[in-house]
Amino acid sequence: MALTLPWLVAAVVSAMGEVVWTPNPRLAESVVTRVANETAAVLAARRGVRLTRPLVVRLVDRPQMRIARAVPPPLGSRELMAQLFGHLGLASDGKRPAGTRSAGTRSDSPRDDVPTGLYDLGHDRVLIANWSDLAQGRFAVARDVALALLDRRFDLGRWFQAPRPKVDVTFDAVLARHALAHGDATTQALEHVDPEGDLPPPRALSGILEQVRASILAAHADTPPLELQRRLFIELDGLAFVHGVRARSPWTTVDNLWRRPPASTEQILHPQKYDKSDRPDDVCARLPDFARDRQDPSLIPPNDNGQVVHRDVLGELGVRLFLARAGNDYRAERAAMGWGGDCALLLRTSTSAAGTPLGAPGTSTPTFAAWITTWDDDTDAADFATEATRALATLADVPPTDPRLDHRIDPRGASGRVRLTDARGRLFALDHKGRTVGLVIAAPPDAEKLLERLMTSALAAATRPRRSADQARVRPK
């Protein structure tokens, strides 16, 4: 008999570390090692993986598991990325971080964000909590064991850091690869725990994911949006992507996903774009000075407004998160769907926003962000520009009734321009021309020149063609 929907929802939630089982003092490391390796043998046989040596399994306590969980996935230069994302309003929402507890909260709270197991990629070992219930946590163990087998086969640490040969690692590409890996492992676990070895049908899986997403969003309202949505994307959207392939094809077809992995979060969110090889527009390649040294952007000579110290591609998921800062998740998702490509830059300025030279008393080296995006067609770009204007106003602390927020479309062609300043005199600007929209955020007042220069470069010889009429996007109702 197939597993019930409530059981599957509970299993997926527990595998994501959202449930704490009753302490189990009888659990021994020899027991969990045997269970994990028996599971590995079954999964390896089904997947066609040669298991040449046993898995390393460790039984750990709550503090050890919390430390292991706190290690972030490799996503590039974290300090510079944090500065860039901070300017975009993605780094934190100013609320209590996930995993911390307010006064009076018991340490054994059932939602203190400590998982009952995980695969420790840095040390090639499966960690199982010494308070877990192996019977109830069978699905979670299978998922972590599946990740261990995938690491044996594909060397995940290296694979996550090599989206394409001789091209920089980006937030967007690495997230897509994490989603594939976790989606593959979770799909294996779903098959493993079903008595008949079957996957839930697509409609049932959709219901599972909706309930899991709602449960986690409700339980983690205080979590910074970037961390929460990154986690949901990797676990849930990755599962939907791989399940969609496995539900109609053998595992050998899933293996092909690893040979030609998704290039962007867009391809995970919209599998039809992966099927059509609809690759992102490489906007960074067209921006000035990047051809000089693609491997170390800090070596790029300063331009008129500052020096590029970090660059990244945020992808459709990053666009969603940026737009959602204005407070409407539905409009953010809708406006992000026509994403074609982007390049986000972190620049270090030579003067403060008020014109004070660096080195003056009480000053530090300020940074700001510039972000160039391209879209599938003019309408998609206009949708993004409209929502991005609201997001800029939120970042600049400008009231929504401010007349400068009018984003007007020129009837002779798609275009628009917004200029805002915050209380500190920093510039928040948006330019919209055709399928290209550029922004500068928390910038010195003279950064308009930089925005014009970046827009001119991005508009030259765009590499991603417009979507044809028969490929029109289906928007959510």
Protein backbone atom coordinates (compact mmCIF):
# COMPACT_ATOMS: atom_id res chain seq x y z
CA MET A 1 0.00 0.00 0.00
CA ALA A 2 1.34 3.43 -0.93
CA LEU A 3 2.34 5.88 1.78
CA THR A 4 -0.28 8.40 2.85
CA LEU A 5 -0.01 12.11 2.09
CA PRO A 6 0.14 13.18 5.78
CA TRP A 7 2.98 10.72 6.41
CA LEU A 8 4.93 12.03 3.42
CA VAL A 9 4.45 15.64 4.52
CA ALA A 10 5.71 14.77 8.00
CA ALA A 11 8.66 12.85 6.55
CA VAL A 12 9.81 15.70 4.31
CA VAL A 13 9.41 18.22 7.13
CA SER A 14 11.48 16.05 9.47
CA ALA A 15 14.19 15.54 6.84
CA MET A 16 14.56 19.32 6.62
CA GLY A 17 15.28 19.48 10.34
CA GLU A 18 11.89 20.79 11.41
CA VAL A 19 11.02 18.10 13.96
CA VAL A 20 12.82 17.00 17.11
CA TRP A 21 12.06 13.46 18.21
CA THR A 22 11.95 12.20 21.80
CA PRO A 23 15.46 11.53 23.19
CA ASN A 24 16.56 7.97 22.53
CA PRO A 25 19.20 6.88 25.09
CA ARG A 26 19.33 3.35 23.66
CA LEU A 27 20.67 4.53 20.31
CA ALA A 28 24.25 3.37 19.72
CA GLU A 29 26.70 4.33 16.98
CA SER A 30 27.04 0.72 15.91
CA VAL A 31 23.28 0.56 15.34
CA VAL A 32 23.05 3.72 13.25
CA THR A 33 26.14 2.69 11.27
CA ARG A 34 24.55 -0.65 10.41
CA VAL A 35 21.21 0.95 9.46
CA ALA A 36 22.86 3.62 7.31
CA ASN A 37 25.04 1.14 5.44
CA GLU A 38 22.16 -1.27 4.86
CA THR A 39 20.24 1.65 3.38
CA ALA A 40 23.28 2.59 1.29
CA ALA A 41 23.48 -0.92 -0.18
CA VAL A 42 19.85 -0.79 -1.30
CA LEU A 43 20.12 2.71 -2.77
CA ALA A 44 23.42 1.95 -4.51
CA ALA A 45 21.97 -1.15 -6.17
CA ARG A 46 18.90 0.73 -7.36
CA ARG A 47 20.93 3.66 -8.66
CA GLY A 48 23.71 1.60 -10.20
CA VAL A 49 26.42 2.96 -7.90
CA ARG A 50 29.32 0.72 -6.90
CA LEU A 51 29.70 0.87 -3.11
CA THR A 52 33.36 -0.02 -2.54
CA ARG A 53 33.64 0.90 1.15
CA PRO A 54 31.25 1.49 4.05
CA LEU A 55 29.91 4.94 4.82
CA VAL A 56 31.33 6.78 7.80
CA VAL A 57 28.50 7.37 10.28
CA ARG A 58 28.67 9.35 13.50
CA LEU A 59 26.18 9.64 16.34
CA VAL A 60 26.24 13.26 17.58
CA ASP A 61 24.57 15.31 20.29
CA ARG A 62 22.57 18.51 19.89
CA PRO A 63 25.49 21.02 20.16
CA GLN A 64 27.54 19.05 17.63
CA MET A 65 24.59 18.88 15.22
CA ARG A 66 23.93 22.59 15.62
CA ILE A 67 27.55 23.38 14.70
CA ALA A 68 27.44 21.07 11.68
CA ARG A 69 24.17 22.63 10.52
CA ALA A 70 25.63 26.14 10.86
CA VAL A 71 28.31 25.49 8.23
CA PRO A 72 26.99 27.24 5.09
CA PRO A 73 27.16 25.73 1.63
CA PRO A 74 30.04 26.97 -0.55
CA LEU A 75 28.62 29.94 -2.45
CA GLY A 76 31.69 32.04 -3.21
CA SER A 77 33.24 34.99 -1.39
CA ARG A 78 30.93 35.22 1.60
CA GLU A 79 32.06 38.58 3.00
CA LEU A 80 31.74 40.44 -0.29
CA MET A 81 28.57 38.56 -1.15
CA ALA A 82 27.08 39.64 2.17
CA GLN A 83 27.86 43.28 1.39
CA LEU A 84 26.31 43.02 -2.07
CA PHE A 85 23.21 41.26 -0.79
CA GLY A 86 22.98 43.74 2.07
CA HIS A 87 22.67 46.62 -0.38
CA LEU A 88 19.93 44.68 -2.19
CA GLY A 89 18.07 44.14 1.08
CA LEU A 90 18.55 40.36 1.02
CA ALA A 91 21.06 39.73 3.81
CA SER A 92 18.76 40.23 6.79
CA ASP A 93 15.36 41.58 7.69
CA GLY A 94 16.53 42.88 11.05
CA LYS A 95 14.57 40.28 12.98
CA ARG A 96 15.82 37.57 15.29
CA PRO A 97 18.00 35.15 13.27
CA ALA A 98 16.90 31.58 12.72
CA GLY A 99 18.17 29.15 15.31
CA THR A 100 18.25 31.70 18.13
CA ARG A 101 15.78 31.65 20.96
CA SER A 102 14.16 34.47 22.84
CA ALA A 103 14.18 34.49 26.64
CA GLY A 104 12.05 31.79 28.15
CA THR A 105 12.22 29.42 25.18
CA ARG A 106 13.14 25.89 26.21
CA SER A 107 16.26 24.41 24.66
CA ASP A 108 14.32 21.33 23.62
CA SER A 109 11.72 23.31 21.70
CA PRO A 110 10.34 21.15 18.87
CA ARG A 111 11.35 23.85 16.37
CA ASP A 112 14.79 25.01 17.39
CA ASP A 113 16.14 24.35 13.89
CA VAL A 114 18.45 21.49 14.86
CA PRO A 115 18.09 18.58 12.41
CA THR A 116 18.04 14.94 13.44
CA GLY A 117 20.57 14.12 10.74
CA LEU A 118 22.55 15.48 7.82
CA TYR A 119 25.34 14.62 5.43
CA ASP A 120 28.53 16.44 6.43
CA LEU A 121 30.04 17.20 3.03
CA GLY A 122 33.22 18.70 4.47
CA HIS A 123 34.12 15.49 6.32
CA ASP A 124 32.41 12.86 4.11
CA ARG A 125 30.26 11.42 6.87
CA VAL A 126 26.62 10.91 7.75
CA LEU A 127 25.63 12.50 11.06
CA ILE A 128 22.69 11.09 13.02
CA ALA A 129 21.36 12.73 16.17
CA ASN A 130 21.57 10.71 19.37
CA TRP A 131 17.99 11.71 20.22
CA SER A 132 16.46 10.59 16.92
CA ASP A 133 13.98 7.78 16.35
CA LEU A 134 15.30 5.65 13.51
CA ALA A 135 11.88 4.21 12.73
CA GLN A 136 10.20 7.60 12.38
CA GLY A 137 13.28 9.14 10.80
CA ARG A 138 13.81 6.45 8.16
CA PHE A 139 13.12 8.85 5.31
CA ALA A 140 15.60 11.44 6.62
CA VAL A 141 18.33 8.81 7.01
CA ALA A 142 17.73 7.59 3.45
CA ARG A 143 17.99 11.14 2.11
CA ASP A 144 21.31 11.79 3.91
CA VAL A 145 22.70 8.42 2.81
CA ALA A 146 21.69 9.19 -0.78
CA LEU A 147 23.65 12.47 -0.59
CA ALA A 148 26.67 10.53 0.64
CA LEU A 149 26.43 8.18 -2.35
CA LEU A 150 26.08 11.11 -4.75
CA ASP A 151 29.21 12.62 -3.21
CA ARG A 152 31.07 9.35 -3.77
CA ARG A 153 30.01 9.36 -7.38
CA PHE A 154 30.27 13.04 -8.37
CA ASP A 155 32.61 14.63 -5.77
CA LEU A 156 30.02 17.22 -4.73
CA GLY A 157 32.49 19.63 -3.14
CA ARG A 158 34.26 20.13 -6.44
CA TRP A 159 31.11 19.83 -8.56
CA PHE A 160 29.32 22.63 -6.69
CA GLN A 161 32.25 24.94 -7.39
CA ALA A 162 32.51 24.30 -11.14
CA PRO A 163 29.26 25.36 -12.84
CA ARG A 164 31.08 25.81 -16.16
CA PRO A 165 34.76 25.49 -17.08
CA LYS A 166 36.70 28.79 -16.96
CA VAL A 167 33.62 30.72 -15.83
CA ASP A 168 33.20 32.20 -12.37
CA VAL A 169 31.12 30.46 -9.73
CA THR A 170 27.88 32.39 -9.22
CA PHE A 171 25.16 32.37 -6.58
CA ASP A 172 22.61 31.43 -9.26
CA ALA A 173 24.51 28.52 -10.84
CA VAL A 174 25.65 27.02 -7.53
CA LEU A 175 22.13 27.15 -6.08
CA ALA A 176 20.85 25.30 -9.14
CA ARG A 177 23.44 22.57 -8.58
CA HIS A 178 22.59 22.26 -4.90
CA ALA A 179 18.93 21.91 -5.87
CA LEU A 180 19.76 19.08 -8.30
CA ALA A 181 21.80 17.20 -5.69
CA HIS A 182 19.24 17.52 -2.90
CA GLY A 183 16.36 16.83 -5.28
CA ASP A 184 18.05 13.63 -6.47
CA ALA A 185 18.70 12.47 -2.89
CA THR A 186 15.16 13.22 -1.74
CA THR A 187 13.66 11.46 -4.75
CA GLN A 188 15.73 8.38 -3.93
CA ALA A 189 14.50 8.53 -0.33
CA LEU A 190 10.85 8.76 -1.42
CA GLU A 191 11.25 5.62 -3.52
CA HIS A 192 13.11 3.84 -0.74
CA VAL A 193 10.50 4.33 1.98
CA ASP A 194 7.51 3.44 -0.19
CA PRO A 195 6.62 -0.25 0.32
CA GLU A 196 6.20 -0.70 -3.43
CA GLY A 197 9.18 1.45 -4.40
CA ASP A 198 6.94 3.99 -6.11
CA LEU A 199 7.05 7.76 -6.19
CA PRO A 200 3.99 9.84 -5.32
CA PRO A 201 2.21 11.06 -8.47
CA PRO A 202 2.93 14.67 -9.53
CA ARG A 203 -0.33 16.03 -8.13
CA ALA A 204 0.27 14.40 -4.75
CA LEU A 205 3.85 15.69 -4.68
CA SER A 206 2.59 19.19 -5.42
CA GLY A 207 0.32 18.92 -2.39
CA ILE A 208 3.21 17.68 -0.25
CA LEU A 209 5.44 20.57 -1.27
CA GLU A 210 2.73 23.17 -0.70
CA GLN A 211 2.08 21.89 2.82
CA VAL A 212 5.77 21.62 3.68
CA ARG A 213 6.48 25.12 2.35
CA ALA A 214 3.57 26.60 4.29
CA SER A 215 4.62 24.80 7.47
CA ILE A 216 8.20 26.01 7.30
CA LEU A 217 7.32 29.59 6.32
CA ALA A 218 4.94 29.81 9.28
CA ALA A 219 7.49 28.39 11.70
CA HIS A 220 10.37 30.59 10.53
CA ALA A 221 8.89 34.05 10.06
CA ASP A 222 11.94 35.55 11.78
CA THR A 223 14.48 33.89 9.49
CA PRO A 224 16.33 36.24 7.10
CA PRO A 225 14.59 35.86 3.73
CA LEU A 226 17.70 34.91 1.76
CA GLU A 227 18.55 31.99 4.04
CA LEU A 228 14.96 30.75 4.28
CA GLN A 229 14.22 30.91 0.54
CA ARG A 230 17.61 29.43 -0.37
CA ARG A 231 16.80 26.47 1.84
CA LEU A 232 13.28 26.02 0.48
CA PHE A 233 14.53 26.29 -3.09
CA ILE A 234 17.26 23.69 -2.66
CA GLU A 235 15.06 21.21 -0.83
CA LEU A 236 11.61 21.64 -2.38
CA ASP A 237 12.10 23.09 -5.85
CA GLY A 238 15.03 20.73 -6.35
CA LEU A 239 12.78 17.80 -5.44
CA ALA A 240 10.07 18.95 -7.85
CA PHE A 241 12.65 19.27 -10.66
CA VAL A 242 14.17 15.79 -10.24
CA HIS A 243 10.83 14.12 -9.43
CA GLY A 244 9.44 15.46 -12.71
CA VAL A 245 12.15 13.58 -14.60
CA ARG A 246 12.18 10.40 -12.52
CA ALA A 247 8.38 10.06 -12.54
CA ARG A 248 8.43 9.42 -16.29
CA SER A 249 11.96 8.07 -16.92
CA PRO A 250 14.51 5.62 -15.49
CA TRP A 251 17.38 6.68 -13.26
CA THR A 252 19.70 6.76 -16.26
CA THR A 253 17.78 9.81 -17.45
CA VAL A 254 18.33 11.47 -14.08
CA ASP A 255 22.04 10.69 -14.52
CA ASN A 256 21.93 12.82 -17.67
CA LEU A 257 20.96 15.82 -15.52
CA TRP A 258 24.36 15.53 -13.86
CA ARG A 259 26.12 15.42 -17.22
CA ARG A 260 24.25 18.56 -18.32
CA PRO A 261 23.27 20.23 -15.05
CA PRO A 262 20.79 23.12 -14.88
CA ALA A 263 22.54 26.41 -15.51
CA SER A 264 20.36 28.63 -13.36
CA THR A 265 17.65 28.75 -10.73
CA GLU A 266 15.33 29.66 -13.61
CA GLN A 267 15.82 26.20 -15.13
CA ILE A 268 14.96 24.55 -11.80
CA LEU A 269 11.84 26.67 -11.34
CA HIS A 270 10.74 26.19 -14.97
CA PRO A 271 11.91 22.75 -16.18
CA GLN A 272 10.68 23.46 -19.70
CA LYS A 273 13.48 26.03 -20.00
CA TYR A 274 15.98 23.32 -19.13
CA ASP A 275 14.41 21.00 -21.71
CA LYS A 276 14.76 23.72 -24.37
CA SER A 277 18.34 24.56 -23.33
CA ASP A 278 17.23 28.13 -22.65
CA ARG A 279 20.49 29.32 -21.08
CA PRO A 280 20.92 32.60 -19.19
CA ASP A 281 22.15 35.71 -20.93
CA ASP A 282 25.79 36.24 -19.87
CA VAL A 283 25.38 39.90 -18.95
CA CYS A 284 28.66 40.07 -17.03
CA ALA A 285 30.60 39.29 -20.21
CA ARG A 286 29.34 42.52 -21.84
CA LEU A 287 30.00 44.92 -18.99
CA PRO A 288 33.05 47.19 -19.23
CA ASP A 289 36.47 46.00 -18.05
CA PHE A 290 35.36 42.44 -17.33
CA ALA A 291 37.21 41.08 -20.34
CA ARG A 292 40.45 42.38 -18.78
CA ASP A 293 40.48 39.82 -15.97
CA ARG A 294 37.46 37.57 -15.49
CA GLN A 295 39.03 35.58 -12.67
CA ASP A 296 39.81 38.44 -10.26
CA PRO A 297 37.43 41.39 -10.53
CA SER A 298 39.40 43.23 -7.81
CA LEU A 299 42.14 43.80 -10.42
CA ILE A 300 39.80 45.77 -12.67
CA PRO A 301 41.02 49.39 -12.85
CA PRO A 302 38.77 51.92 -11.10
CA ASN A 303 36.20 53.63 -13.29
CA ASP A 304 34.86 57.13 -12.76
CA ASN A 305 32.69 56.07 -9.84
CA GLY A 306 34.44 53.27 -8.02
CA GLN A 307 36.18 49.93 -8.26
CA VAL A 308 34.46 46.60 -8.78
CA VAL A 309 35.36 44.31 -5.88
CA HIS A 310 32.78 41.56 -6.38
CA ARG A 311 30.30 40.44 -8.99
CA ASP A 312 27.62 37.79 -9.04
CA VAL A 313 24.57 36.50 -10.86
CA LEU A 314 21.43 36.40 -8.71
CA GLY A 315 19.12 34.61 -11.14
CA GLU A 316 15.36 34.38 -11.06
CA LEU A 317 15.34 33.35 -7.41
CA GLY A 318 17.46 36.36 -6.45
CA VAL A 319 15.14 38.65 -8.41
CA ARG A 320 12.13 37.22 -6.57
CA LEU A 321 13.74 37.90 -3.21
CA PHE A 322 14.69 41.45 -4.15
CA LEU A 323 11.20 42.28 -5.37
CA ALA A 324 9.54 40.62 -2.38
CA ARG A 325 11.14 43.21 -0.11
CA ALA A 326 8.36 45.54 -1.25
CA GLY A 327 5.92 43.22 0.52
CA ASN A 328 4.06 41.24 -2.15
CA ASP A 329 5.34 37.71 -2.82
CA TYR A 330 2.82 37.04 -5.59
CA ARG A 331 3.78 40.13 -7.61
CA ALA A 332 7.46 39.39 -7.00
CA GLU A 333 7.15 35.85 -8.38
CA ARG A 334 5.13 37.05 -11.34
CA ALA A 335 7.54 39.86 -12.24
CA ALA A 336 10.61 37.61 -11.96
CA MET A 337 9.36 34.99 -14.41
CA GLY A 338 10.69 36.65 -17.56
CA TRP A 339 14.27 36.83 -16.27
CA GLY A 340 16.87 36.46 -19.01
CA GLY A 341 20.12 37.18 -17.20
CA ASP A 342 21.78 39.58 -14.80
CA CYS A 343 25.04 40.81 -13.36
CA ALA A 344 25.25 42.35 -9.89
CA LEU A 345 28.33 44.38 -8.96
CA LEU A 346 29.68 45.50 -5.61
CA LEU A 347 31.76 48.65 -5.99
CA ARG A 348 34.02 50.43 -3.54
CA THR A 349 33.76 54.19 -3.88
CA SER A 350 36.52 56.79 -3.76
CA THR A 351 34.37 59.22 -1.78
CA SER A 352 31.47 59.00 0.63
CA ALA A 353 27.92 59.73 -0.50
CA ALA A 354 28.35 63.28 0.81
CA GLY A 355 31.54 63.80 -1.19
CA THR A 356 33.94 63.35 1.75
CA PRO A 357 37.30 61.90 0.62
CA LEU A 358 38.24 58.53 2.02
CA GLY A 359 40.53 58.76 5.00
CA ALA A 360 38.74 61.74 6.47
CA PRO A 361 38.03 61.47 10.21
CA GLY A 362 35.04 59.27 10.99
CA THR A 363 34.78 57.78 7.50
CA SER A 364 35.25 54.24 6.20
CA THR A 365 35.37 52.76 2.73
CA PRO A 366 31.76 52.76 1.50
CA THR A 367 30.42 50.35 -1.05
CA PHE A 368 27.36 50.35 -3.28
CA ALA A 369 25.66 48.01 -5.73
CA ALA A 370 24.98 48.18 -9.44
CA TRP A 371 22.75 45.59 -11.06
CA ILE A 372 22.02 45.04 -14.74
CA THR A 373 19.20 42.69 -15.74
CA THR A 374 17.93 41.48 -19.10
CA TRP A 375 14.51 40.05 -19.86
CA ASP A 376 12.80 37.79 -22.37
CA ASP A 377 10.79 40.65 -23.88
CA ASP A 378 9.89 44.32 -23.34
CA THR A 379 6.80 43.48 -21.29
CA ASP A 380 8.80 41.32 -18.90
CA ALA A 381 11.30 44.15 -18.46
CA ALA A 382 8.48 46.63 -17.79
CA ASP A 383 6.95 44.30 -15.19
CA PHE A 384 10.27 44.02 -13.40
CA ALA A 385 10.93 47.76 -13.58
CA THR A 386 7.57 48.53 -12.00
CA GLU A 387 8.12 46.15 -9.09
CA ALA A 388 11.80 47.10 -8.76
CA THR A 389 10.75 50.73 -8.31
CA ARG A 390 8.72 49.70 -5.26
CA ALA A 391 11.67 47.70 -3.92
CA LEU A 392 14.00 50.68 -4.40
CA ALA A 393 11.58 52.87 -2.47
CA THR A 394 11.62 50.37 0.39
CA LEU A 395 15.42 50.35 0.47
CA ALA A 396 15.61 54.16 0.29
CA ASP A 397 12.86 54.54 2.90
CA VAL A 398 10.78 56.62 0.50
CA PRO A 399 6.99 56.63 1.04
CA PRO A 400 4.93 54.89 -1.67
CA THR A 401 3.09 58.16 -2.44
CA ASP A 402 6.29 59.93 -3.53
CA PRO A 403 5.75 61.24 -7.11
CA ARG A 404 9.26 60.14 -8.09
CA LEU A 405 8.06 56.53 -7.98
CA ASP A 406 6.01 56.86 -11.16
CA HIS A 407 7.52 54.43 -13.64
CA ARG A 408 6.13 55.56 -16.97
CA ILE A 409 6.47 53.61 -20.20
CA ASP A 410 7.29 55.74 -23.22
CA PRO A 411 4.57 54.98 -25.84
CA ARG A 412 7.27 55.02 -28.54
CA GLY A 413 9.13 52.18 -26.86
CA ALA A 414 9.69 50.52 -23.49
CA SER A 415 11.67 52.92 -21.32
CA GLY A 416 11.62 54.53 -17.92
CA ARG A 417 13.74 56.31 -15.35
CA VAL A 418 13.55 56.64 -11.55
CA ARG A 419 15.84 58.65 -9.27
CA LEU A 420 15.58 58.54 -5.46
CA THR A 421 17.82 59.65 -2.61
CA ASP A 422 17.69 58.54 1.00
CA ALA A 423 18.27 60.57 4.16
CA ARG A 424 22.04 60.02 3.83
CA GLY A 425 22.16 61.44 0.33
CA ARG A 426 22.74 58.09 -1.37
CA LEU A 427 21.37 57.51 -4.85
CA PHE A 428 18.84 54.78 -5.70
CA ALA A 429 18.30 54.84 -9.46
CA LEU A 430 16.65 52.73 -12.16
CA ASP A 431 16.95 52.93 -15.94
CA HIS A 432 14.73 50.88 -18.24
CA LYS A 433 15.40 50.55 -21.97
CA GLY A 434 13.75 47.81 -24.00
CA ARG A 435 14.59 44.42 -22.51
CA THR A 436 17.26 45.81 -20.18
CA VAL A 437 16.78 47.28 -16.71
CA GLY A 438 19.67 48.64 -14.64
CA LEU A 439 19.85 49.81 -11.05
CA VAL A 440 22.32 51.46 -8.72
CA ILE A 441 21.66 51.13 -5.00
CA ALA A 442 23.03 53.11 -2.04
CA ALA A 443 25.40 54.85 -4.46
CA PRO A 444 27.16 58.24 -4.44
CA PRO A 445 25.21 60.95 -6.32
CA ASP A 446 27.49 60.86 -9.37
CA ALA A 447 26.87 57.13 -9.96
CA GLU A 448 24.33 58.03 -12.67
CA LYS A 449 27.29 58.11 -15.06
CA LEU A 450 28.20 54.56 -14.10
CA LEU A 451 24.63 53.38 -14.63
CA GLU A 452 24.56 54.94 -18.10
CA ARG A 453 27.85 53.26 -18.98
CA LEU A 454 26.68 49.85 -17.78
CA MET A 455 23.36 50.17 -19.61
CA THR A 456 25.13 51.08 -22.85
CA SER A 457 27.36 48.02 -22.57
CA ALA A 458 24.49 45.69 -21.67
CA LEU A 459 22.36 46.89 -24.56
CA ALA A 460 25.13 46.12 -27.05
CA ALA A 461 24.83 42.72 -28.75
CA ALA A 462 22.55 40.98 -26.26
CA THR A 463 23.26 37.24 -26.46
CA ARG A 464 19.86 35.86 -25.51
CA PRO A 465 17.21 36.10 -28.27
CA ARG A 466 13.66 37.21 -27.61
CA ARG A 467 11.21 34.45 -26.88
CA SER A 468 9.14 33.65 -29.96
CA ALA A 469 5.37 34.01 -29.91
CA ASP A 470 4.82 30.25 -29.65
CA GLN A 471 7.00 30.18 -26.51
CA ALA A 472 4.95 32.74 -24.62
CA ARG A 473 5.23 32.39 -20.89
CA VAL A 474 2.24 31.08 -18.95
CA ARG A 475 1.83 33.31 -15.91
CA PRO A 476 0.33 32.06 -12.63
CA LYS A 477 -3.35 32.83 -12.25
